[in-house]
PDB file of N, CA and C in Angstrom:
ATOM      1  N   MET A   1      16.304  -4.572 -23.191  1.00  0.00           N
ATOM      2  CA  MET A   1      14.961  -4.343 -23.701  1.00  0.00           C
ATOM      3  C   MET A   1      14.244  -3.378 -22.765  1.00  0.00           C
ATOM      4  N   SER A   2      13.573  -2.408 -23.311  1.00  0.00           N
ATOM      5  CA  SER A   2      12.883  -1.386 -22.535  1.00  0.00           C
ATOM      6  C   SER A   2      11.379  -1.475 -22.733  1.00  0.00           C
ATOM      7  N   LEU A   3      10.649  -1.021 -21.725  1.00  0.00           N
ATOM      8  CA  LEU A   3       9.207  -0.894 -21.851  1.00  0.00           C
ATOM      9  C   LEU A   3       8.905   0.331 -22.697  1.00  0.00           C
ATOM     10  N   THR A   4       7.892   0.225 -23.557  1.00  0.00           N
ATOM     11  CA  THR A   4       7.490   1.349 -24.393  1.00  0.00           C
ATOM     12  C   THR A   4       5.999   1.589 -24.227  1.00  0.00           C
ATOM     13  N   GLY A   5       5.525   2.722 -24.725  1.00  0.00           N
ATOM     14  CA  GLY A   5       4.114   3.050 -24.617  1.00  0.00           C
ATOM     15  C   GLY A   5       3.847   3.873 -23.378  1.00  0.00           C
ATOM     16  N   GLY A   6       2.603   3.876 -22.944  1.00  0.00           N
ATOM     17  CA  GLY A   6       2.214   4.658 -21.780  1.00  0.00           C
ATOM     18  C   GLY A   6       1.967   3.792 -20.561  1.00  0.00           C
ATOM     19  N   ILE A   7       1.814   4.449 -19.432  1.00  0.00           N
ATOM     20  CA  ILE A   7       1.442   3.754 -18.198  1.00  0.00           C
ATOM     21  C   ILE A   7      -0.072   3.601 -18.237  1.00  0.00           C
ATOM     22  N   PRO A   8      -0.590   2.382 -18.218  1.00  0.00           N
ATOM     23  CA  PRO A   8      -2.038   2.200 -18.320  1.00  0.00           C
ATOM     24  C   PRO A   8      -2.758   2.710 -17.067  1.00  0.00           C
ATOM     25  N   GLU A   9      -3.881   3.356 -17.267  1.00  0.00           N
ATOM     26  CA  GLU A   9      -4.698   3.863 -16.155  1.00  0.00           C
ATOM     27  C   GLU A   9      -5.110   2.719 -15.229  1.00  0.00           C
ATOM     28  N   SER A  10      -5.232   1.513 -15.770  1.00  0.00           N
ATOM     29  CA  SER A  10      -5.662   0.363 -14.970  1.00  0.00           C
ATOM     30  C   SER A  10      -4.689   0.025 -13.846  1.00  0.00           C
ATOM     31  N   ILE A  11      -3.448   0.490 -13.931  1.00  0.00           N
ATOM     32  CA  ILE A  11      -2.470   0.217 -12.878  1.00  0.00           C
ATOM     33  C   ILE A  11      -2.912   0.852 -11.559  1.00  0.00           C
ATOM     34  N   THR A  12      -3.746   1.892 -11.644  1.00  0.00           N
ATOM     35  CA  THR A  12      -4.213   2.558 -10.432  1.00  0.00           C
ATOM     36  C   THR A  12      -5.241   1.720  -9.678  1.00  0.00           C
ATOM     37  N   GLY A  13      -5.667   0.619 -10.253  1.00  0.00           N
ATOM     38  CA  GLY A  13      -6.576  -0.294  -9.580  1.00  0.00           C
ATOM     39  C   GLY A  13      -5.871  -1.319  -8.707  1.00  0.00           C
ATOM     40  N   LEU A  14      -4.552  -1.320  -8.725  1.00  0.00           N
ATOM     41  CA  LEU A  14      -3.773  -2.283  -7.938  1.00  0.00           C
ATOM     42  C   LEU A  14      -3.586  -1.752  -6.521  1.00  0.00           C
ATOM     43  N   LYS A  15      -4.609  -1.866  -5.699  1.00  0.00           N
ATOM     44  CA  LYS A  15      -4.607  -1.271  -4.362  1.00  0.00           C
ATOM     45  C   LYS A  15      -3.550  -1.864  -3.440  1.00  0.00           C
ATOM     46  N   GLY A  16      -3.063  -3.057  -3.706  1.00  0.00           N
ATOM     47  CA  GLY A  16      -2.026  -3.676  -2.880  1.00  0.00           C
ATOM     48  C   GLY A  16      -0.610  -3.353  -3.327  1.00  0.00           C
ATOM     49  N   LEU A  17      -0.464  -2.571  -4.391  1.00  0.00           N
ATOM     50  CA  LEU A  17       0.852  -2.239  -4.933  1.00  0.00           C
ATOM     51  C   LEU A  17       1.666  -1.455  -3.911  1.00  0.00           C
ATOM     52  N   ARG A  18       2.908  -1.912  -3.654  1.00  0.00           N
ATOM     53  CA  ARG A  18       3.767  -1.249  -2.676  1.00  0.00           C
ATOM     54  C   ARG A  18       4.970  -0.567  -3.306  1.00  0.00           C
ATOM     55  N   PHE A  19       5.420  -1.039  -4.462  1.00  0.00           N
ATOM     56  CA  PHE A  19       6.602  -0.494  -5.129  1.00  0.00           C
ATOM     57  C   PHE A  19       6.345  -0.489  -6.622  1.00  0.00           C
ATOM     58  N   LEU A  20       6.657   0.625  -7.267  1.00  0.00           N
ATOM     59  CA  LEU A  20       6.510   0.703  -8.717  1.00  0.00           C
ATOM     60  C   LEU A  20       7.780   1.295  -9.295  1.00  0.00           C
ATOM     61  N   GLY A  21       8.563   0.468  -9.946  1.00  0.00           N
ATOM     62  CA  GLY A  21       9.815   0.902 -10.553  1.00  0.00           C
ATOM     63  C   GLY A  21       9.734   0.804 -12.065  1.00  0.00           C
ATOM     64  N   LEU A  22       9.429   1.903 -12.705  1.00  0.00           N
ATOM     65  CA  LEU A  22       9.340   1.964 -14.169  1.00  0.00           C
ATOM     66  C   LEU A  22      10.419   2.869 -14.741  1.00  0.00           C
ATOM     67  N   ASN A  23      11.425   3.164 -13.957  1.00  0.00           N
ATOM     68  CA  ASN A  23      12.482   4.080 -14.370  1.00  0.00           C
ATOM     69  C   ASN A  23      13.327   3.509 -15.501  1.00  0.00           C
ATOM     70  N   ASP A  24      13.941   4.433 -16.257  1.00  0.00           N
ATOM     71  CA  ASP A  24      14.897   4.110 -17.318  1.00  0.00           C
ATOM     72  C   ASP A  24      14.326   3.189 -18.390  1.00  0.00           C
ATOM     73  N   ASN A  25      13.148   3.539 -18.880  1.00  0.00           N
ATOM     74  CA  ASN A  25      12.522   2.841 -19.998  1.00  0.00           C
ATOM     75  C   ASN A  25      12.250   3.852 -21.105  1.00  0.00           C
ATOM     76  N   LYS A  26      11.338   3.520 -21.979  1.00  0.00           N
ATOM     77  CA  LYS A  26      10.965   4.426 -23.066  1.00  0.00           C
ATOM     78  C   LYS A  26       9.475   4.718 -23.003  1.00  0.00           C
ATOM     79  N   LEU A  27       8.990   4.967 -21.793  1.00  0.00           N
ATOM     80  CA  LEU A  27       7.576   5.244 -21.598  1.00  0.00           C
ATOM     81  C   LEU A  27       7.268   6.675 -22.005  1.00  0.00           C
ATOM     82  N   THR A  28       6.075   6.869 -22.575  1.00  0.00           N
ATOM     83  CA  THR A  28       5.644   8.187 -23.028  1.00  0.00           C
ATOM     84  C   THR A  28       4.221   8.438 -22.548  1.00  0.00           C
ATOM     85  N   GLY A  29       3.762   9.659 -22.719  1.00  0.00           N
ATOM     86  CA  GLY A  29       2.388   9.995 -22.372  1.00  0.00           C
ATOM     87  C   GLY A  29       2.271  10.576 -20.980  1.00  0.00           C
ATOM     88  N   ASP A  30       1.024  10.665 -20.527  1.00  0.00           N
ATOM     89  CA  ASP A  30       0.740  11.256 -19.225  1.00  0.00           C
ATOM     90  C   ASP A  30       0.938  10.256 -18.093  1.00  0.00           C
ATOM     91  N   ILE A  31       1.397  10.782 -16.967  1.00  0.00           N
ATOM     92  CA  ILE A  31       1.464   9.996 -15.733  1.00  0.00           C
ATOM     93  C   ILE A  31       0.039   9.933 -15.188  1.00  0.00           C
ATOM     94  N   PRO A  32      -0.509   8.737 -14.921  1.00  0.00           N
ATOM     95  CA  PRO A  32      -1.859   8.667 -14.361  1.00  0.00           C
ATOM     96  C   PRO A  32      -1.915   9.388 -13.010  1.00  0.00           C
ATOM     97  N   SER A  33      -2.751  10.405 -12.912  1.00  0.00           N
ATOM     98  CA  SER A  33      -2.817  11.201 -11.687  1.00  0.00           C
ATOM     99  C   SER A  33      -3.286  10.383 -10.490  1.00  0.00           C
ATOM    100  N   LYS A  34      -4.009   9.305 -10.734  1.00  0.00           N
ATOM    101  CA  LYS A  34      -4.515   8.483  -9.636  1.00  0.00           C
ATOM    102  C   LYS A  34      -3.426   7.655  -8.959  1.00  0.00           C
ATOM    103  N   LEU A  35      -2.196   7.673  -9.493  1.00  0.00           N
ATOM    104  CA  LEU A  35      -1.097   6.977  -8.808  1.00  0.00           C
ATOM    105  C   LEU A  35      -0.923   7.510  -7.391  1.00  0.00           C
ATOM    106  N   ALA A  36      -1.227   8.779  -7.195  1.00  0.00           N
ATOM    107  CA  ALA A  36      -1.080   9.400  -5.877  1.00  0.00           C
ATOM    108  C   ALA A  36      -2.071   8.846  -4.866  1.00  0.00           C
ATOM    109  N   SER A  37      -3.148   8.224  -5.333  1.00  0.00           N
ATOM    110  CA  SER A  37      -4.168   7.734  -4.409  1.00  0.00           C
ATOM    111  C   SER A  37      -4.004   6.260  -4.055  1.00  0.00           C
ATOM    112  N   LEU A  38      -2.967   5.607  -4.576  1.00  0.00           N
ATOM    113  CA  LEU A  38      -2.737   4.212  -4.201  1.00  0.00           C
ATOM    114  C   LEU A  38      -2.332   4.166  -2.729  1.00  0.00           C
ATOM    115  N   PRO A  39      -3.075   3.424  -1.907  1.00  0.00           N
ATOM    116  CA  PRO A  39      -2.885   3.507  -0.456  1.00  0.00           C
ATOM    117  C   PRO A  39      -1.605   2.885   0.089  1.00  0.00           C
ATOM    118  N   ASN A  40      -1.005   1.945  -0.599  1.00  0.00           N
ATOM    119  CA  ASN A  40       0.136   1.219  -0.034  1.00  0.00           C
ATOM    120  C   ASN A  40       1.471   1.484  -0.706  1.00  0.00           C
ATOM    121  N   VAL A  41       1.505   2.335  -1.720  1.00  0.00           N
ATOM    122  CA  VAL A  41       2.758   2.588  -2.435  1.00  0.00           C
ATOM    123  C   VAL A  41       3.730   3.335  -1.532  1.00  0.00           C
ATOM    124  N   SER A  42       4.928   2.778  -1.387  1.00  0.00           N
ATOM    125  CA  SER A  42       5.959   3.448  -0.588  1.00  0.00           C
ATOM    126  C   SER A  42       7.132   3.892  -1.450  1.00  0.00           C
ATOM    127  N   ALA A  43       7.162   3.475  -2.724  1.00  0.00           N
ATOM    128  CA  ALA A  43       8.233   3.907  -3.624  1.00  0.00           C
ATOM    129  C   ALA A  43       7.688   3.959  -5.048  1.00  0.00           C
ATOM    130  N   LEU A  44       8.007   5.051  -5.733  1.00  0.00           N
ATOM    131  CA  LEU A  44       7.544   5.265  -7.100  1.00  0.00           C
ATOM    132  C   LEU A  44       8.692   5.867  -7.896  1.00  0.00           C
ATOM    133  N   TYR A  45       9.184   5.121  -8.876  1.00  0.00           N
ATOM    134  CA  TYR A  45      10.319   5.564  -9.685  1.00  0.00           C
ATOM    135  C   TYR A  45       9.895   5.656 -11.144  1.00  0.00           C
ATOM    136  N   LEU A  46       9.861   6.868 -11.678  1.00  0.00           N
ATOM    137  CA  LEU A  46       9.427   7.097 -13.054  1.00  0.00           C
ATOM    138  C   LEU A  46      10.466   7.829 -13.883  1.00  0.00           C
ATOM    139  N   HIS A  47      11.597   8.176 -13.313  1.00  0.00           N
ATOM    140  CA  HIS A  47      12.605   8.952 -14.042  1.00  0.00           C
ATOM    141  C   HIS A  47      13.214   8.130 -15.178  1.00  0.00           C
ATOM    142  N   GLY A  48      13.827   8.825 -16.114  1.00  0.00           N
ATOM    143  CA  GLY A  48      14.458   8.153 -17.246  1.00  0.00           C
ATOM    144  C   GLY A  48      13.480   7.761 -18.338  1.00  0.00           C
ATOM    145  N   ASN A  49      12.329   8.416 -18.381  1.00  0.00           N
ATOM    146  CA  ASN A  49      11.320   8.183 -19.407  1.00  0.00           C
ATOM    147  C   ASN A  49      10.972   9.521 -20.049  1.00  0.00           C
ATOM    148  N   ASN A  50       9.989   9.514 -20.933  1.00  0.00           N
ATOM    149  CA  ASN A  50       9.519  10.753 -21.551  1.00  0.00           C
ATOM    150  C   ASN A  50       8.058  10.961 -21.169  1.00  0.00           C
ATOM    151  N   LEU A  51       7.806  10.989 -19.861  1.00  0.00           N
ATOM    152  CA  LEU A  51       6.452  11.128 -19.343  1.00  0.00           C
ATOM    153  C   LEU A  51       6.134  12.595 -19.087  1.00  0.00           C
ATOM    154  N   THR A  52       4.841  12.911 -19.135  1.00  0.00           N
ATOM    155  CA  THR A  52       4.397  14.275 -18.875  1.00  0.00           C
ATOM    156  C   THR A  52       3.322  14.264 -17.804  1.00  0.00           C
ATOM    157  N   GLY A  53       3.026  15.434 -17.282  1.00  0.00           N
ATOM    158  CA  GLY A  53       1.978  15.556 -16.284  1.00  0.00           C
ATOM    159  C   GLY A  53       2.552  15.717 -14.895  1.00  0.00           C
ATOM    160  N   GLU A  54       1.666  15.671 -13.931  1.00  0.00           N
ATOM    161  CA  GLU A  54       2.079  15.818 -12.547  1.00  0.00           C
ATOM    162  C   GLU A  54       1.217  14.940 -11.669  1.00  0.00           C
ATOM    163  N   ILE A  55       1.716  14.687 -10.484  1.00  0.00           N
ATOM    164  CA  ILE A  55       0.969  13.920  -9.499  1.00  0.00           C
ATOM    165  C   ILE A  55       0.786  14.825  -8.292  1.00  0.00           C
ATOM    166  N   LYS A  56      -0.447  14.967  -7.850  1.00  0.00           N
ATOM    167  CA  LYS A  56      -0.733  15.780  -6.670  1.00  0.00           C
ATOM    168  C   LYS A  56      -1.031  14.840  -5.514  1.00  0.00           C
ATOM    169  N   PHE A  57      -0.174  14.881  -4.517  1.00  0.00           N
ATOM    170  CA  PHE A  57      -0.327  14.006  -3.365  1.00  0.00           C
ATOM    171  C   PHE A  57      -1.196  14.671  -2.310  1.00  0.00           C
ATOM    172  N   SER A  58      -1.920  13.834  -1.576  1.00  0.00           N
ATOM    173  CA  SER A  58      -2.781  14.358  -0.526  1.00  0.00           C
ATOM    174  C   SER A  58      -1.944  14.804   0.669  1.00  0.00           C
ATOM    175  N   VAL A  59      -2.531  15.648   1.491  1.00  0.00           N
ATOM    176  CA  VAL A  59      -1.854  16.126   2.703  1.00  0.00           C
ATOM    177  C   VAL A  59      -1.548  14.954   3.620  1.00  0.00           C
ATOM    178  N   VAL A  60      -2.447  13.996   3.692  1.00  0.00           N
ATOM    179  CA  VAL A  60      -2.232  12.831   4.552  1.00  0.00           C
ATOM    180  C   VAL A  60      -0.976  12.083   4.141  1.00  0.00           C
ATOM    181  N   LEU A  61      -0.779  11.890   2.854  1.00  0.00           N
ATOM    182  CA  LEU A  61       0.413  11.189   2.382  1.00  0.00           C
ATOM    183  C   LEU A  61       1.673  11.955   2.757  1.00  0.00           C
ATOM    184  N   TRP A  62       1.638  13.276   2.574  1.00  0.00           N
ATOM    185  CA  TRP A  62       2.818  14.079   2.897  1.00  0.00           C
ATOM    186  C   TRP A  62       3.131  14.029   4.388  1.00  0.00           C
ATOM    187  N   GLU A  63       2.126  13.915   5.231  1.00  0.00           N
ATOM    188  CA  GLU A  63       2.350  13.912   6.671  1.00  0.00           C
ATOM    189  C   GLU A  63       2.858  12.575   7.197  1.00  0.00           C
ATOM    190  N   THR A  64       2.675  11.496   6.459  1.00  0.00           N
ATOM    191  CA  THR A  64       3.086  10.190   6.967  1.00  0.00           C
ATOM    192  C   THR A  64       4.593  10.063   7.046  1.00  0.00           C
ATOM    193  N   GLY A  65       5.304  10.624   6.082  1.00  0.00           N
ATOM    194  CA  GLY A  65       6.761  10.536   6.085  1.00  0.00           C
ATOM    195  C   GLY A  65       7.282   9.134   5.831  1.00  0.00           C
ATOM    196  N   GLU A  66       6.424   8.235   5.350  1.00  0.00           N
ATOM    197  CA  GLU A  66       6.827   6.847   5.157  1.00  0.00           C
ATOM    198  C   GLU A  66       7.146   6.512   3.707  1.00  0.00           C
ATOM    199  N   ALA A  67       6.924   7.428   2.792  1.00  0.00           N
ATOM    200  CA  ALA A  67       7.083   7.109   1.375  1.00  0.00           C
ATOM    201  C   ALA A  67       8.284   7.824   0.773  1.00  0.00           C
ATOM    202  N   PHE A  68       8.825   7.244  -0.283  1.00  0.00           N
ATOM    203  CA  PHE A  68       9.919   7.837  -1.045  1.00  0.00           C
ATOM    204  C   PHE A  68       9.479   7.928  -2.496  1.00  0.00           C
ATOM    205  N   TRP A  69       9.762   9.053  -3.136  1.00  0.00           N
ATOM    206  CA  TRP A  69       9.309   9.260  -4.502  1.00  0.00           C
ATOM    207  C   TRP A  69      10.452   9.730  -5.367  1.00  0.00           C
ATOM    208  N   GLY A  70      10.662   9.095  -6.498  1.00  0.00           N
ATOM    209  CA  GLY A  70      11.660   9.549  -7.461  1.00  0.00           C
ATOM    210  C   GLY A  70      10.968   9.826  -8.775  1.00  0.00           C
ATOM    211  N   LEU A  71      10.627  11.050  -9.014  1.00  0.00           N
ATOM    212  CA  LEU A  71       9.817  11.397 -10.171  1.00  0.00           C
ATOM    213  C   LEU A  71      10.612  12.010 -11.308  1.00  0.00           C
ATOM    214  N   GLY A  72      11.909  11.885 -11.271  1.00  0.00           N
ATOM    215  CA  GLY A  72      12.704  12.392 -12.372  1.00  0.00           C
ATOM    216  C   GLY A  72      13.251  13.778 -12.144  1.00  0.00           C
ATOM    217  N   ILE A  73      12.995  14.361 -10.995  1.00  0.00           N
ATOM    218  CA  ILE A  73      13.547  15.676 -10.692  1.00  0.00           C
ATOM    219  C   ILE A  73      15.057  15.554 -10.560  1.00  0.00           C
ATOM    220  N   ILE A  74      15.481  14.564  -9.823  1.00  0.00           N
ATOM    221  CA  ILE A  74      16.901  14.260  -9.671  1.00  0.00           C
ATOM    222  C   ILE A  74      17.052  12.775  -9.998  1.00  0.00           C
ATOM    223  N   PRO A  75      17.620  12.418 -11.133  1.00  0.00           N
ATOM    224  CA  PRO A  75      17.736  11.003 -11.509  1.00  0.00           C
ATOM    225  C   PRO A  75      18.451  10.173 -10.447  1.00  0.00           C
ATOM    226  N   ASN A  76      17.948   8.965 -10.256  1.00  0.00           N
ATOM    227  CA  ASN A  76      18.523   7.996  -9.318  1.00  0.00           C
ATOM    228  C   ASN A  76      18.531   8.500  -7.883  1.00  0.00           C
ATOM    229  N   TYR A  77      17.554   9.283  -7.516  1.00  0.00           N
ATOM    230  CA  TYR A  77      17.467   9.812  -6.163  1.00  0.00           C
ATOM    231  C   TYR A  77      16.031   9.710  -5.696  1.00  0.00           C
ATOM    232  N   ALA A  78      15.826   9.164  -4.535  1.00  0.00           N
ATOM    233  CA  ALA A  78      14.491   9.082  -3.959  1.00  0.00           C
ATOM    234  C   ALA A  78      14.307  10.260  -3.015  1.00  0.00           C
ATOM    235  N   ILE A  79      13.196  10.936  -3.121  1.00  0.00           N
ATOM    236  CA  ILE A  79      12.933  12.105  -2.299  1.00  0.00           C
ATOM    237  C   ILE A  79      12.081  11.682  -1.112  1.00  0.00           C
ATOM    238  N   PRO A  80      12.617  11.744   0.116  1.00  0.00           N
ATOM    239  CA  PRO A  80      11.820  11.362   1.281  1.00  0.00           C
ATOM    240  C   PRO A  80      10.761  12.410   1.586  1.00  0.00           C
ATOM    241  N   LEU A  81       9.605  11.952   2.003  1.00  0.00           N
ATOM    242  CA  LEU A  81       8.543  12.869   2.391  1.00  0.00           C
ATOM    243  C   LEU A  81       8.597  13.082   3.891  1.00  0.00           C
ATOM    244  N   GLY A  82       8.145  14.221   4.333  1.00  0.00           N
ATOM    245  CA  GLY A  82       8.072  14.494   5.770  1.00  0.00           C
ATOM    246  C   GLY A  82       9.177  15.330   6.153  1.00  0.00           C
TER     247      GLY A  82
END
């Protein structure tokens, strides 16, 4: 069974969220741009869906080198920052 529909904007209110694995579902629509502003997320997997849009990360996030992101550029691969 797969998740369908879009990623709700309300998910960006989960300030304690550390991992978000929504990969390999049937999600559609725009990626909420505010996902980049979640302060504690260290892993974000969205590949394997039909999502559109982009996420712009802050310079501070890029400099930390503590997060891994898999946005569908290379399936099943986490891209280390830093």
